[in-house]
Amino acid sequence: MGKNWDWKTWGDEGGGYANVAPWYGGAMRRNPKLKVFMAGGWYEAGHMMYLNRAALDKLTDDVRHFVKAAAPGASE
């Protein structure tokens, strides 16, 4: 990405992070049954939880639970 990335596309003039929340929010409003798993910031290792074994194990369990719960036929 670096200096050639058009950050304005994401609504951030200052070159910060790509905020995709508006797109997720819009998609979730259009499809109330849409399931979205967002993990950043919820683990002791921050956004690089895959580098910390305990955090990776927790993430793995959380994703497994999310997928099972979101699968067709799962109770809502």
Protein backbone atom coordinates (compact mmCIF):
# COMPACT_ATOMS: atom_id res chain seq x y z
CA MET A 1 0.00 0.00 0.00
CA GLY A 2 2.31 2.73 1.25
CA LYS A 3 2.47 6.14 -0.34
CA ASN A 4 0.56 5.12 -3.48
CA TRP A 5 -2.59 4.04 -1.61
CA ASP A 6 -5.57 6.35 -2.10
CA TRP A 7 -6.63 6.77 1.54
CA LYS A 8 -9.40 9.17 0.51
CA THR A 9 -11.27 6.15 -0.85
CA TRP A 10 -11.68 5.05 2.75
CA GLY A 11 -12.67 8.45 4.12
CA ASP A 12 -9.38 9.16 5.87
CA GLU A 13 -7.54 12.21 4.58
CA GLY A 14 -4.62 11.72 6.94
CA GLY A 15 -3.35 8.36 5.71
CA GLY A 16 -4.41 6.39 8.77
CA TYR A 17 -6.15 3.04 8.71
CA ALA A 18 -8.74 1.79 6.22
CA ASN A 19 -12.07 2.15 8.02
CA VAL A 20 -14.43 -0.42 6.47
CA ALA A 21 -17.10 -0.02 9.17
CA PRO A 22 -19.46 2.00 6.92
CA TRP A 23 -19.45 -0.80 4.33
CA TYR A 24 -20.00 -3.50 6.95
CA GLY A 25 -22.77 -1.44 8.52
CA GLY A 26 -24.49 -0.89 5.17
CA ALA A 27 -24.28 -4.56 4.27
CA MET A 28 -25.64 -5.59 7.67
CA ARG A 29 -28.56 -3.16 7.36
CA ARG A 30 -29.40 -4.51 3.91
CA ASN A 31 -29.08 -8.11 5.09
CA PRO A 32 -30.00 -8.47 8.78
CA LYS A 33 -29.01 -12.16 8.69
CA LEU A 34 -25.45 -11.37 7.61
CA LYS A 35 -22.91 -12.52 10.19
CA VAL A 36 -19.61 -10.67 10.54
CA PHE A 37 -16.73 -11.81 12.73
CA MET A 38 -14.38 -8.98 13.72
CA ALA A 39 -11.54 -9.90 16.05
CA GLY A 40 -9.15 -6.94 16.14
CA GLY A 41 -8.65 -5.50 19.60
CA TRP A 42 -10.37 -8.34 21.49
CA TYR A 43 -7.23 -10.34 22.28
CA GLU A 44 -4.27 -9.77 24.58
CA ALA A 45 -1.96 -9.71 21.54
CA GLY A 46 -3.93 -6.93 19.81
CA HIS A 47 -4.37 -7.27 16.05
CA MET A 48 -1.49 -9.77 15.66
CA MET A 49 -3.01 -12.46 17.86
CA TYR A 50 -1.64 -15.18 15.59
CA LEU A 51 1.86 -14.52 16.99
CA ASN A 52 0.84 -15.31 20.56
CA ARG A 53 -0.03 -18.99 21.08
CA ALA A 54 -2.64 -18.43 23.80
CA ALA A 55 -4.33 -15.67 21.79
CA LEU A 56 -4.19 -17.80 18.63
CA ASP A 57 -5.85 -20.71 20.45
CA LYS A 58 -8.58 -18.37 21.71
CA LEU A 59 -9.08 -16.91 18.23
CA THR A 60 -9.28 -20.42 16.76
CA ASP A 61 -11.96 -21.41 19.27
CA ASP A 62 -13.87 -18.17 18.69
CA VAL A 63 -13.83 -18.57 14.89
CA ARG A 64 -14.87 -22.21 15.19
CA HIS A 65 -17.80 -21.21 17.42
CA PHE A 66 -18.75 -18.35 15.08
CA VAL A 67 -18.78 -20.58 11.98
CA LYS A 68 -20.83 -23.28 13.68
CA ALA A 69 -23.32 -20.71 14.99
CA ALA A 70 -23.60 -18.94 11.62
CA ALA A 71 -24.01 -22.13 9.56
CA PRO A 72 -27.35 -22.75 7.88
CA GLY A 73 -29.63 -24.62 10.23
CA ALA A 74 -27.93 -23.39 13.40
CA SER A 75 -30.32 -22.03 16.01
CA GLU A 76 -30.44 -18.24 15.99
